[in-house]
Amino acid sequence: MLHLGLGYIGVGIGAGLCIIGASFGIARLAAAALEGAARQPEAAGSLQTMMIIPAAMIEGLGLLSVVAILLAVLTLNKGVPVAGAAAEPPAATASAH
């Protein structure tokens, strides 16, 4: 059970790092676009257009990490024993005698 708990902790830490990295990337992208628009206001529309594709790719990374987390947790949940699963049903024991 210890390994299962460590698996959950590892998934949580990995997910957190991935989301922090995605948010840091979007923040840097937005800061660079705002700085460019402040330096050259007539290019603001062009900068916004060029910023949309990388922002969408970074958001896709965040979504991909959420999907990977969900798959990892669902896989880890298969290792958790279900209460009463080891007990044999009473009908099967009665027919065997």
PDB file of N, CA and C in Angstrom:
ATOM      1  N   MET A   1       0.813  -1.197   0.000  1.00  0.00           N
ATOM      2  CA  MET A   1       0.000   0.000   0.000  1.00  0.00           C
ATOM      3  C   MET A   1       0.857   1.262   0.000  1.00  0.00           C
ATOM      4  N   LEU A   2       2.064   1.153   0.536  1.00  0.00           N
ATOM      5  CA  LEU A   2       2.946   2.309   0.561  1.00  0.00           C
ATOM      6  C   LEU A   2       3.286   2.756  -0.859  1.00  0.00           C
ATOM      7  N   HIS A   3       3.534   1.786  -1.736  1.00  0.00           N
ATOM      8  CA  HIS A   3       3.884   2.125  -3.114  1.00  0.00           C
ATOM      9  C   HIS A   3       2.703   2.792  -3.824  1.00  0.00           C
ATOM     10  N   LEU A   4       1.502   2.396  -3.486  1.00  0.00           N
ATOM     11  CA  LEU A   4       0.309   3.002  -4.078  1.00  0.00           C
ATOM     12  C   LEU A   4       0.185   4.463  -3.639  1.00  0.00           C
ATOM     13  N   GLY A   5       0.416   4.709  -2.353  1.00  0.00           N
ATOM     14  CA  GLY A   5       0.377   6.078  -1.849  1.00  0.00           C
ATOM     15  C   GLY A   5       1.454   6.946  -2.467  1.00  0.00           C
ATOM     16  N   LEU A   6       2.650   6.378  -2.611  1.00  0.00           N
ATOM     17  CA  LEU A   6       3.726   7.134  -3.251  1.00  0.00           C
ATOM     18  C   LEU A   6       3.418   7.406  -4.722  1.00  0.00           C
ATOM     19  N   GLY A   7       2.695   6.488  -5.354  1.00  0.00           N
ATOM     20  CA  GLY A   7       2.273   6.714  -6.733  1.00  0.00           C
ATOM     21  C   GLY A   7       1.341   7.907  -6.844  1.00  0.00           C
ATOM     22  N   TYR A   8       0.380   7.995  -5.919  1.00  0.00           N
ATOM     23  CA  TYR A   8      -0.525   9.143  -5.913  1.00  0.00           C
ATOM     24  C   TYR A   8       0.232  10.442  -5.661  1.00  0.00           C
ATOM     25  N   ILE A   9       1.183  10.411  -4.757  1.00  0.00           N
ATOM     26  CA  ILE A   9       1.974  11.613  -4.477  1.00  0.00           C
ATOM     27  C   ILE A   9       2.792  12.008  -5.704  1.00  0.00           C
ATOM     28  N   GLY A  10       3.378  11.031  -6.380  1.00  0.00           N
ATOM     29  CA  GLY A  10       4.157  11.314  -7.581  1.00  0.00           C
ATOM     30  C   GLY A  10       3.306  11.905  -8.697  1.00  0.00           C
ATOM     31  N   VAL A  11       2.093  11.367  -8.859  1.00  0.00           N
ATOM     32  CA  VAL A  11       1.180  11.907  -9.877  1.00  0.00           C
ATOM     33  C   VAL A  11       0.814  13.345  -9.541  1.00  0.00           C
ATOM     34  N   GLY A  12       0.553  13.617  -8.278  1.00  0.00           N
ATOM     35  CA  GLY A  12       0.197  14.978  -7.871  1.00  0.00           C
ATOM     36  C   GLY A  12       1.326  15.966  -8.072  1.00  0.00           C
ATOM     37  N   ILE A  13       2.531  15.560  -7.720  1.00  0.00           N
ATOM     38  CA  ILE A  13       3.683  16.450  -7.897  1.00  0.00           C
ATOM     39  C   ILE A  13       3.963  16.690  -9.378  1.00  0.00           C
ATOM     40  N   GLY A  14       3.906  15.627 -10.170  1.00  0.00           N
ATOM     41  CA  GLY A  14       4.129  15.789 -11.609  1.00  0.00           C
ATOM     42  C   GLY A  14       3.087  16.680 -12.259  1.00  0.00           C
ATOM     43  N   ALA A  15       1.830  16.520 -11.858  1.00  0.00           N
ATOM     44  CA  ALA A  15       0.761  17.354 -12.412  1.00  0.00           C
ATOM     45  C   ALA A  15       0.954  18.812 -12.021  1.00  0.00           C
ATOM     46  N   GLY A  16       1.310  19.020 -10.771  1.00  0.00           N
ATOM     47  CA  GLY A  16       1.530  20.389 -10.314  1.00  0.00           C
ATOM     48  C   GLY A  16       2.659  21.066 -11.058  1.00  0.00           C
ATOM     49  N   LEU A  17       3.745  20.346 -11.269  1.00  0.00           N
ATOM     50  CA  LEU A  17       4.874  20.929 -12.003  1.00  0.00           C
ATOM     51  C   LEU A  17       4.503  21.246 -13.448  1.00  0.00           C
ATOM     52  N   CYS A  18       3.718  20.368 -14.059  1.00  0.00           N
ATOM     53  CA  CYS A  18       3.317  20.598 -15.450  1.00  0.00           C
ATOM     54  C   CYS A  18       2.393  21.816 -15.564  1.00  0.00           C
ATOM     55  N   ILE A  19       1.463  21.945 -14.650  1.00  0.00           N
ATOM     56  CA  ILE A  19       0.548  23.091 -14.674  1.00  0.00           C
ATOM     57  C   ILE A  19       1.291  24.384 -14.350  1.00  0.00           C
ATOM     58  N   ILE A  20       2.223  24.330 -13.404  1.00  0.00           N
ATOM     59  CA  ILE A  20       3.021  25.521 -13.089  1.00  0.00           C
ATOM     60  C   ILE A  20       3.851  25.937 -14.299  1.00  0.00           C
ATOM     61  N   GLY A  21       4.428  24.964 -15.000  1.00  0.00           N
ATOM     62  CA  GLY A  21       5.201  25.284 -16.200  1.00  0.00           C
ATOM     63  C   GLY A  21       4.342  25.896 -17.293  1.00  0.00           C
ATOM     64  N   ALA A  22       3.131  25.369 -17.476  1.00  0.00           N
ATOM     65  CA  ALA A  22       2.229  25.918 -18.496  1.00  0.00           C
ATOM     66  C   ALA A  22       1.816  27.346 -18.142  1.00  0.00           C
ATOM     67  N   SER A  23       1.498  27.580 -16.882  1.00  0.00           N
ATOM     68  CA  SER A  23       1.089  28.937 -16.497  1.00  0.00           C
ATOM     69  C   SER A  23       2.261  29.912 -16.593  1.00  0.00           C
ATOM     70  N   PHE A  24       3.465  29.459 -16.275  1.00  0.00           N
ATOM     71  CA  PHE A  24       4.647  30.310 -16.415  1.00  0.00           C
ATOM     72  C   PHE A  24       4.889  30.652 -17.886  1.00  0.00           C
ATOM     73  N   GLY A  25       4.695  29.674 -18.770  1.00  0.00           N
ATOM     74  CA  GLY A  25       4.876  29.924 -20.196  1.00  0.00           C
ATOM     75  C   GLY A  25       3.866  30.924 -20.742  1.00  0.00           C
ATOM     76  N   ILE A  26       2.608  30.798 -20.328  1.00  0.00           N
ATOM     77  CA  ILE A  26       1.585  31.749 -20.782  1.00  0.00           C
ATOM     78  C   ILE A  26       1.869  33.138 -20.229  1.00  0.00           C
ATOM     79  N   ALA A  27       2.327  33.216 -18.979  1.00  0.00           N
ATOM     80  CA  ALA A  27       2.635  34.515 -18.388  1.00  0.00           C
ATOM     81  C   ALA A  27       3.777  35.198 -19.135  1.00  0.00           C
ATOM     82  N   ARG A  28       4.809  34.438 -19.464  1.00  0.00           N
ATOM     83  CA  ARG A  28       5.931  35.035 -20.209  1.00  0.00           C
ATOM     84  C   ARG A  28       5.512  35.466 -21.607  1.00  0.00           C
ATOM     85  N   LEU A  29       4.661  34.658 -22.233  1.00  0.00           N
ATOM     86  CA  LEU A  29       4.170  34.990 -23.571  1.00  0.00           C
ATOM     87  C   LEU A  29       3.350  36.271 -23.546  1.00  0.00           C
ATOM     88  N   ALA A  30       2.450  36.384 -22.581  1.00  0.00           N
ATOM     89  CA  ALA A  30       1.617  37.581 -22.479  1.00  0.00           C
ATOM     90  C   ALA A  30       2.454  38.806 -22.130  1.00  0.00           C
ATOM     91  N   ALA A  31       3.442  38.632 -21.257  1.00  0.00           N
ATOM     92  CA  ALA A  31       4.296  39.764 -20.898  1.00  0.00           C
ATOM     93  C   ALA A  31       5.087  40.267 -22.102  1.00  0.00           C
ATOM     94  N   ALA A  32       5.597  39.346 -22.901  1.00  0.00           N
ATOM     95  CA  ALA A  32       6.359  39.754 -24.088  1.00  0.00           C
ATOM     96  C   ALA A  32       5.451  40.454 -25.106  1.00  0.00           C
ATOM     97  N   ALA A  33       4.229  39.955 -25.264  1.00  0.00           N
ATOM     98  CA  ALA A  33       3.308  40.597 -26.213  1.00  0.00           C
ATOM     99  C   ALA A  33       2.905  41.984 -25.729  1.00  0.00           C
ATOM    100  N   LEU A  34       2.660  42.132 -24.428  1.00  0.00           N
ATOM    101  CA  LEU A  34       2.309  43.450 -23.903  1.00  0.00           C
ATOM    102  C   LEU A  34       3.479  44.424 -24.008  1.00  0.00           C
ATOM    103  N   GLU A  35       4.672  43.948 -23.784  1.00  0.00           N
ATOM    104  CA  GLU A  35       5.847  44.803 -23.918  1.00  0.00           C
ATOM    105  C   GLU A  35       6.032  45.241 -25.366  1.00  0.00           C
ATOM    106  N   GLY A  36       5.810  44.315 -26.293  1.00  0.00           N
ATOM    107  CA  GLY A  36       5.913  44.667 -27.708  1.00  0.00           C
ATOM    108  C   GLY A  36       4.857  45.663 -28.128  1.00  0.00           C
ATOM    109  N   ALA A  37       3.632  45.508 -27.592  1.00  0.00           N
ATOM    110  CA  ALA A  37       2.559  46.455 -27.922  1.00  0.00           C
ATOM    111  C   ALA A  37       2.826  47.820 -27.301  1.00  0.00           C
ATOM    112  N   ALA A  38       3.473  47.841 -26.141  1.00  0.00           N
ATOM    113  CA  ALA A  38       3.791  49.123 -25.515  1.00  0.00           C
ATOM    114  C   ALA A  38       4.887  49.850 -26.291  1.00  0.00           C
ATOM    115  N   ARG A  39       5.815  49.106 -26.837  1.00  0.00           N
ATOM    116  CA  ARG A  39       6.889  49.734 -27.610  1.00  0.00           C
ATOM    117  C   ARG A  39       6.414  50.197 -28.980  1.00  0.00           C
ATOM    118  N   GLN A  40       5.512  49.438 -29.585  1.00  0.00           N
ATOM    119  CA  GLN A  40       5.041  49.742 -30.932  1.00  0.00           C
ATOM    120  C   GLN A  40       3.520  49.510 -30.992  1.00  0.00           C
ATOM    121  N   PRO A  41       2.727  50.502 -30.597  1.00  0.00           N
ATOM    122  CA  PRO A  41       1.271  50.324 -30.491  1.00  0.00           C
ATOM    123  C   PRO A  41       0.586  49.944 -31.810  1.00  0.00           C
ATOM    124  N   GLU A  42       1.142  50.341 -32.940  1.00  0.00           N
ATOM    125  CA  GLU A  42       0.495  50.011 -34.217  1.00  0.00           C
ATOM    126  C   GLU A  42       0.612  48.532 -34.565  1.00  0.00           C
ATOM    127  N   ALA A  43       1.500  47.806 -33.911  1.00  0.00           N
ATOM    128  CA  ALA A  43       1.673  46.373 -34.167  1.00  0.00           C
ATOM    129  C   ALA A  43       0.923  45.502 -33.157  1.00  0.00           C
ATOM    130  N   ALA A  44       0.054  46.102 -32.345  1.00  0.00           N
ATOM    131  CA  ALA A  44      -0.638  45.355 -31.288  1.00  0.00           C
ATOM    132  C   ALA A  44      -1.525  44.257 -31.866  1.00  0.00           C
ATOM    133  N   GLY A  45      -2.232  44.533 -32.952  1.00  0.00           N
ATOM    134  CA  GLY A  45      -3.093  43.518 -33.566  1.00  0.00           C
ATOM    135  C   GLY A  45      -2.297  42.344 -34.102  1.00  0.00           C
ATOM    136  N   SER A  46      -1.176  42.619 -34.713  1.00  0.00           N
ATOM    137  CA  SER A  46      -0.314  41.562 -35.238  1.00  0.00           C
ATOM    138  C   SER A  46       0.295  40.729 -34.111  1.00  0.00           C
ATOM    139  N   LEU A  47       0.687  41.394 -33.029  1.00  0.00           N
ATOM    140  CA  LEU A  47       1.246  40.673 -31.886  1.00  0.00           C
ATOM    141  C   LEU A  47       0.205  39.764 -31.239  1.00  0.00           C
ATOM    142  N   GLN A  48      -1.018  40.252 -31.161  1.00  0.00           N
ATOM    143  CA  GLN A  48      -2.078  39.443 -30.561  1.00  0.00           C
ATOM    144  C   GLN A  48      -2.338  38.196 -31.405  1.00  0.00           C
ATOM    145  N   THR A  49      -2.348  38.367 -32.707  1.00  0.00           N
ATOM    146  CA  THR A  49      -2.570  37.225 -33.594  1.00  0.00           C
ATOM    147  C   THR A  49      -1.443  36.206 -33.469  1.00  0.00           C
ATOM    148  N   MET A  50      -0.211  36.694 -33.397  1.00  0.00           N
ATOM    149  CA  MET A  50       0.921  35.777 -33.278  1.00  0.00           C
ATOM    150  C   MET A  50       0.980  35.121 -31.894  1.00  0.00           C
ATOM    151  N   MET A  51       0.339  35.703 -30.910  1.00  0.00           N
ATOM    152  CA  MET A  51       0.366  35.160 -29.556  1.00  0.00           C
ATOM    153  C   MET A  51      -0.656  34.042 -29.368  1.00  0.00           C
ATOM    154  N   ILE A  52      -1.707  34.001 -30.162  1.00  0.00           N
ATOM    155  CA  ILE A  52      -2.802  33.058 -29.949  1.00  0.00           C
ATOM    156  C   ILE A  52      -2.345  31.609 -30.151  1.00  0.00           C
ATOM    157  N   ILE A  53      -1.584  31.326 -31.187  1.00  0.00           N
ATOM    158  CA  ILE A  53      -1.180  29.940 -31.473  1.00  0.00           C
ATOM    159  C   ILE A  53      -0.269  29.378 -30.376  1.00  0.00           C
ATOM    160  N   PRO A  54       0.790  30.076 -29.962  1.00  0.00           N
ATOM    161  CA  PRO A  54       1.586  29.509 -28.861  1.00  0.00           C
ATOM    162  C   PRO A  54       0.804  29.373 -27.557  1.00  0.00           C
ATOM    163  N   ALA A  55      -0.104  30.317 -27.281  1.00  0.00           N
ATOM    164  CA  ALA A  55      -0.916  30.213 -26.068  1.00  0.00           C
ATOM    165  C   ALA A  55      -1.804  28.980 -26.124  1.00  0.00           C
ATOM    166  N   ALA A  56      -2.372  28.699 -27.285  1.00  0.00           N
ATOM    167  CA  ALA A  56      -3.204  27.502 -27.427  1.00  0.00           C
ATOM    168  C   ALA A  56      -2.367  26.235 -27.261  1.00  0.00           C
ATOM    169  N   MET A  57      -1.149  26.252 -27.755  1.00  0.00           N
ATOM    170  CA  MET A  57      -0.283  25.075 -27.596  1.00  0.00           C
ATOM    171  C   MET A  57       0.090  24.860 -26.129  1.00  0.00           C
ATOM    172  N   ILE A  58       0.329  25.946 -25.414  1.00  0.00           N
ATOM    173  CA  ILE A  58       0.647  25.825 -23.989  1.00  0.00           C
ATOM    174  C   ILE A  58      -0.573  25.332 -23.220  1.00  0.00           C
ATOM    175  N   GLU A  59      -1.760  25.830 -23.551  1.00  0.00           N
ATOM    176  CA  GLU A  59      -2.986  25.349 -22.920  1.00  0.00           C
ATOM    177  C   GLU A  59      -3.205  23.874 -23.233  1.00  0.00           C
ATOM    178  N   GLY A  60      -2.853  23.461 -24.444  1.00  0.00           N
ATOM    179  CA  GLY A  60      -2.950  22.042 -24.802  1.00  0.00           C
ATOM    180  C   GLY A  60      -2.050  21.184 -23.939  1.00  0.00           C
ATOM    181  N   LEU A  61      -0.888  21.706 -23.592  1.00  0.00           N
ATOM    182  CA  LEU A  61       0.012  20.990 -22.687  1.00  0.00           C
ATOM    183  C   LEU A  61      -0.629  20.808 -21.316  1.00  0.00           C
ATOM    184  N   GLY A  62      -1.280  21.849 -20.828  1.00  0.00           N
ATOM    185  CA  GLY A  62      -1.974  21.742 -19.544  1.00  0.00           C
ATOM    186  C   GLY A  62      -3.104  20.725 -19.595  1.00  0.00           C
ATOM    187  N   LEU A  63      -3.854  20.721 -20.679  1.00  0.00           N
ATOM    188  CA  LEU A  63      -4.941  19.752 -20.832  1.00  0.00           C
ATOM    189  C   LEU A  63      -4.390  18.334 -20.960  1.00  0.00           C
ATOM    190  N   LEU A  64      -3.301  18.182 -21.671  1.00  0.00           N
ATOM    191  CA  LEU A  64      -2.677  16.868 -21.803  1.00  0.00           C
ATOM    192  C   LEU A  64      -2.201  16.346 -20.450  1.00  0.00           C
ATOM    193  N   SER A  65      -1.694  17.230 -19.622  1.00  0.00           N
ATOM    194  CA  SER A  65      -1.256  16.793 -18.290  1.00  0.00           C
ATOM    195  C   SER A  65      -2.441  16.365 -17.444  1.00  0.00           C
ATOM    196  N   VAL A  66      -3.569  17.037 -17.575  1.00  0.00           N
ATOM    197  CA  VAL A  66      -4.765  16.634 -16.825  1.00  0.00           C
ATOM    198  C   VAL A  66      -5.244  15.257 -17.287  1.00  0.00           C
ATOM    199  N   VAL A  67      -5.195  14.992 -18.583  1.00  0.00           N
ATOM    200  CA  VAL A  67      -5.577  13.677 -19.096  1.00  0.00           C
ATOM    201  C   VAL A  67      -4.601  12.603 -18.600  1.00  0.00           C
ATOM    202  N   ALA A  68      -3.313  12.918 -18.596  1.00  0.00           N
ATOM    203  CA  ALA A  68      -2.325  11.960 -18.108  1.00  0.00           C
ATOM    204  C   ALA A  68      -2.526  11.678 -16.621  1.00  0.00           C
ATOM    205  N   ILE A  69      -2.877  12.700 -15.863  1.00  0.00           N
ATOM    206  CA  ILE A  69      -3.149  12.517 -14.440  1.00  0.00           C
ATOM    207  C   ILE A  69      -4.347  11.610 -14.249  1.00  0.00           C
ATOM    208  N   LEU A  70      -5.404  11.860 -15.006  1.00  0.00           N
ATOM    209  CA  LEU A  70      -6.603  11.037 -14.896  1.00  0.00           C
ATOM    210  C   LEU A  70      -6.298   9.584 -15.229  1.00  0.00           C
ATOM    211  N   LEU A  71      -5.547   9.342 -16.279  1.00  0.00           N
ATOM    212  CA  LEU A  71      -5.189   7.970 -16.640  1.00  0.00           C
ATOM    213  C   LEU A  71      -4.314   7.313 -15.579  1.00  0.00           C
ATOM    214  N   ALA A  72      -3.381   8.070 -15.026  1.00  0.00           N
ATOM    215  CA  ALA A  72      -2.511   7.510 -13.988  1.00  0.00           C
ATOM    216  C   ALA A  72      -3.294   7.169 -12.735  1.00  0.00           C
ATOM    217  N   VAL A  73      -4.194   8.040 -12.330  1.00  0.00           N
ATOM    218  CA  VAL A  73      -4.990   7.774 -11.128  1.00  0.00           C
ATOM    219  C   VAL A  73      -5.934   6.602 -11.356  1.00  0.00           C
ATOM    220  N   LEU A  74      -6.536   6.526 -12.525  1.00  0.00           N
ATOM    221  CA  LEU A  74      -7.417   5.387 -12.799  1.00  0.00           C
ATOM    222  C   LEU A  74      -6.636   4.079 -12.833  1.00  0.00           C
ATOM    223  N   THR A  75      -5.407   4.122 -13.316  1.00  0.00           N
ATOM    224  CA  THR A  75      -4.568   2.927 -13.314  1.00  0.00           C
ATOM    225  C   THR A  75      -4.155   2.557 -11.890  1.00  0.00           C
ATOM    226  N   LEU A  76      -3.838   3.564 -11.092  1.00  0.00           N
ATOM    227  CA  LEU A  76      -3.480   3.297  -9.701  1.00  0.00           C
ATOM    228  C   LEU A  76      -4.672   2.735  -8.928  1.00  0.00           C
ATOM    229  N   ASN A  77      -5.877   3.185  -9.262  1.00  0.00           N
ATOM    230  CA  ASN A  77      -7.065   2.707  -8.560  1.00  0.00           C
ATOM    231  C   ASN A  77      -7.317   1.225  -8.801  1.00  0.00           C
ATOM    232  N   LYS A  78      -6.782   0.669  -9.880  1.00  0.00           N
ATOM    233  CA  LYS A  78      -6.951  -0.765 -10.127  1.00  0.00           C
ATOM    234  C   LYS A  78      -6.170  -1.588  -9.112  1.00  0.00           C
ATOM    235  N   GLY A  79      -5.177  -1.001  -8.466  1.00  0.00           N
ATOM    236  CA  GLY A  79      -4.386  -1.702  -7.471  1.00  0.00           C
ATOM    237  C   GLY A  79      -5.000  -1.686  -6.088  1.00  0.00           C
ATOM    238  N   VAL A  80      -6.075  -0.923  -5.907  1.00  0.00           N
ATOM    239  CA  VAL A  80      -6.727  -0.843  -4.603  1.00  0.00           C
ATOM    240  C   VAL A  80      -7.680  -2.015  -4.451  1.00  0.00           C
ATOM    241  N   PRO A  81      -7.543  -2.800  -3.378  1.00  0.00           N
ATOM    242  CA  PRO A  81      -8.452  -3.937  -3.191  1.00  0.00           C
ATOM    243  C   PRO A  81      -9.863  -3.454  -2.875  1.00  0.00           C
ATOM    244  N   VAL A  82     -10.851  -4.139  -3.441  1.00  0.00           N
ATOM    245  CA  VAL A  82     -12.253  -3.799  -3.231  1.00  0.00           C
ATOM    246  C   VAL A  82     -12.742  -4.563  -2.009  1.00  0.00           C
ATOM    247  N   ALA A  83     -13.503  -3.906  -1.158  1.00  0.00           N
ATOM    248  CA  ALA A  83     -14.004  -4.544   0.060  1.00  0.00           C
ATOM    249  C   ALA A  83     -14.945  -5.682  -0.305  1.00  0.00           C
ATOM    250  N   GLY A  84     -14.700  -6.860   0.215  1.00  0.00           N
ATOM    251  CA  GLY A  84     -15.570  -8.008  -0.020  1.00  0.00           C
ATOM    252  C   GLY A  84     -15.306  -8.736  -1.320  1.00  0.00           C
ATOM    253  N   ALA A  85     -14.325  -8.349  -2.071  1.00  0.00           N
ATOM    254  CA  ALA A  85     -14.067  -8.998  -3.359  1.00  0.00           C
ATOM    255  C   ALA A  85     -13.445 -10.380  -3.169  1.00  0.00           C
ATOM    256  N   ALA A  86     -12.734 -10.585  -2.069  1.00  0.00           N
ATOM    257  CA  ALA A  86     -12.068 -11.874  -1.842  1.00  0.00           C
ATOM    258  C   ALA A  86     -13.036 -12.941  -1.339  1.00  0.00           C
ATOM    259  N   ALA A  87     -14.139 -12.493  -0.759  1.00  0.00           N
ATOM    260  CA  ALA A  87     -15.111 -13.454  -0.215  1.00  0.00           C
ATOM    261  C   ALA A  87     -15.896 -14.082  -1.361  1.00  0.00           C
ATOM    262  N   GLU A  88     -16.136 -15.375  -1.243  1.00  0.00           N
ATOM    263  CA  GLU A  88     -16.882 -16.100  -2.263  1.00  0.00           C
ATOM    264  C   GLU A  88     -18.378 -15.919  -1.985  1.00  0.00           C
ATOM    265  N   PRO A  89     -19.202 -15.741  -3.016  1.00  0.00           N
ATOM    266  CA  PRO A  89     -20.633 -15.564  -2.766  1.00  0.00           C
ATOM    267  C   PRO A  89     -21.249 -16.827  -2.150  1.00  0.00           C
ATOM    268  N   PRO A  90     -22.260 -16.682  -1.287  1.00  0.00           N
ATOM    269  CA  PRO A  90     -22.852 -17.842  -0.607  1.00  0.00           C
ATOM    270  C   PRO A  90     -23.503 -18.829  -1.560  1.00  0.00           C
ATOM    271  N   ALA A  91     -24.049 -18.384  -2.674  1.00  0.00           N
ATOM    272  CA  ALA A  91     -24.729 -19.288  -3.610  1.00  0.00           C
ATOM    273  C   ALA A  91     -23.728 -20.263  -4.222  1.00  0.00           C
ATOM    274  N   ALA A  92     -22.529 -19.837  -4.464  1.00  0.00           N
ATOM    275  CA  ALA A  92     -21.521 -20.711  -5.077  1.00  0.00           C
ATOM    276  C   ALA A  92     -21.061 -21.775  -4.090  1.00  0.00           C
ATOM    277  N   THR A  93     -20.999 -21.466  -2.814  1.00  0.00           N
ATOM    278  CA  THR A  93     -20.574 -22.456  -1.836  1.00  0.00           C
ATOM    279  C   THR A  93     -21.663 -23.498  -1.579  1.00  0.00           C
ATOM    280  N   ALA A  94     -22.935 -23.077  -1.683  1.00  0.00           N
ATOM    281  CA  ALA A  94     -24.032 -24.019  -1.447  1.00  0.00           C
ATOM    282  C   ALA A  94     -24.153 -25.029  -2.588  1.00  0.00           C
ATOM    283  N   SER A  95     -23.920 -24.612  -3.809  1.00  0.00           N
ATOM    284  CA  SER A  95     -24.051 -25.529  -4.946  1.00  0.00           C
ATOM    285  C   SER A  95     -22.873 -26.489  -5.017  1.00  0.00           C
ATOM    286  N   ALA A  96     -21.756 -26.150  -4.417  1.00  0.00           N
ATOM    287  CA  ALA A  96     -20.574 -27.002  -4.461  1.00  0.00           C
ATOM    288  C   ALA A  96     -20.713 -28.210  -3.537  1.00  0.00           C
ATOM    289  N   HIS A  97     -21.553 -28.118  -2.499  1.00  0.00           N
ATOM    290  CA  HIS A  97     -21.702 -29.219  -1.549  1.00  0.00           C
ATOM    291  C   HIS A  97     -22.716 -30.125  -2.046  1.00  0.00           C
TER     292      HIS A  97
END
